[in-house]
Amino acid sequence: MTAVKQNIFGMVKSPCVAICALDENDVCIGCYRTGHEITAWGEMDNEKKREVLEKVAKREQDSLEKVAKREQASGNIIAI
């Protein structure tokens, strides 16, 4: 896993990228957190935030792979 970014207070930074919209699975299309993870973020300790970031990385990778498969099936070439 890549280094986790922290703010000046040593708290793990939010992965928010200001593209806030939940998909049909209650996952943000910008940061890949669930609605619950987003609302609970401020109350989480660093350990829990790191756990969420691991889930976020997996969701993002899964999403990219799904897009790549869809694009390949349609005849477009995409590399991830």
Protein backbone atom coordinates (compact mmCIF):
# COMPACT_ATOMS: atom_id res chain seq x y z
CA MET A 1 0.00 0.00 0.00
CA THR A 2 1.23 3.51 -0.71
CA ALA A 3 2.09 5.92 2.09
CA VAL A 4 -0.97 7.26 3.88
CA LYS A 5 -1.20 11.04 3.78
CA GLN A 6 -1.59 12.80 7.10
CA ASN A 7 -2.43 16.37 8.00
CA ILE A 8 -0.32 18.60 10.26
CA PHE A 9 -2.04 17.10 13.31
CA GLY A 10 -1.02 13.56 12.34
CA MET A 11 -4.53 12.51 11.33
CA VAL A 12 -5.04 10.42 8.19
CA LYS A 13 -6.33 12.65 5.40
CA SER A 14 -9.68 12.08 3.78
CA PRO A 15 -9.58 10.63 0.25
CA CYS A 16 -12.30 13.08 -0.82
CA VAL A 17 -11.71 14.58 -4.27
CA ALA A 18 -14.83 16.81 -4.25
CA ILE A 19 -16.74 14.62 -6.72
CA CYS A 20 -19.50 13.67 -4.34
CA ALA A 21 -22.11 11.33 -5.78
CA LEU A 22 -23.14 7.92 -4.53
CA ASP A 23 -23.74 5.14 -7.03
CA GLU A 24 -26.42 2.44 -6.84
CA ASN A 25 -24.25 0.55 -4.31
CA ASP A 26 -23.95 3.57 -1.95
CA VAL A 27 -20.31 4.10 -2.99
CA CYS A 28 -19.01 7.56 -3.87
CA ILE A 29 -17.84 7.74 -7.48
CA GLY A 30 -15.10 10.20 -6.47
CA CYS A 31 -13.44 8.72 -3.39
CA TYR A 32 -14.86 5.16 -3.39
CA ARG A 33 -16.05 5.33 0.23
CA THR A 34 -19.51 4.16 1.21
CA GLY A 35 -22.04 6.65 2.50
CA HIS A 36 -21.52 5.27 6.00
CA GLU A 37 -17.73 5.56 5.75
CA ILE A 38 -18.05 9.17 4.60
CA THR A 39 -20.32 10.19 7.46
CA ALA A 40 -18.30 8.29 10.08
CA TRP A 41 -14.87 9.50 8.86
CA GLY A 42 -14.59 12.38 11.33
CA GLU A 43 -15.16 10.07 14.29
CA MET A 44 -12.74 7.33 13.16
CA ASP A 45 -9.27 6.91 14.62
CA ASN A 46 -6.28 6.60 12.29
CA GLU A 47 -6.32 2.79 12.41
CA LYS A 48 -9.96 2.63 11.25
CA LYS A 49 -9.27 5.26 8.56
CA ARG A 50 -6.40 3.15 7.22
CA GLU A 51 -8.73 0.14 7.09
CA VAL A 52 -11.21 2.21 5.07
CA LEU A 53 -8.42 3.36 2.73
CA GLU A 54 -7.52 -0.28 2.05
CA LYS A 55 -11.15 -0.95 1.10
CA VAL A 56 -11.15 2.23 -1.02
CA ALA A 57 -8.08 1.05 -2.96
CA LYS A 58 -9.75 -2.31 -3.65
CA ARG A 59 -13.01 -0.67 -4.77
CA GLU A 60 -11.14 1.71 -7.06
CA GLN A 61 -9.16 -1.13 -8.65
CA ASP A 62 -12.32 -3.19 -9.11
CA SER A 63 -14.03 -0.21 -10.72
CA LEU A 64 -11.14 0.37 -13.13
CA GLU A 65 -11.10 -3.29 -14.09
CA LYS A 66 -14.85 -3.24 -14.71
CA VAL A 67 -14.51 -0.18 -16.97
CA ALA A 68 -11.60 -1.79 -18.83
CA LYS A 69 -13.59 -4.99 -19.47
CA ARG A 70 -16.59 -2.98 -20.69
CA GLU A 71 -14.41 -0.90 -23.01
CA GLN A 72 -12.63 -3.97 -24.39
CA ALA A 73 -15.97 -5.66 -25.01
CA SER A 74 -17.11 -2.64 -26.99
CA GLY A 75 -13.96 -2.71 -29.14
CA ASN A 76 -12.20 0.21 -27.46
CA ILE A 77 -8.69 -0.35 -26.16
CA ILE A 78 -7.92 0.74 -22.63
CA ALA A 79 -4.93 0.01 -20.41
CA ILE A 80 -4.96 0.14 -16.65
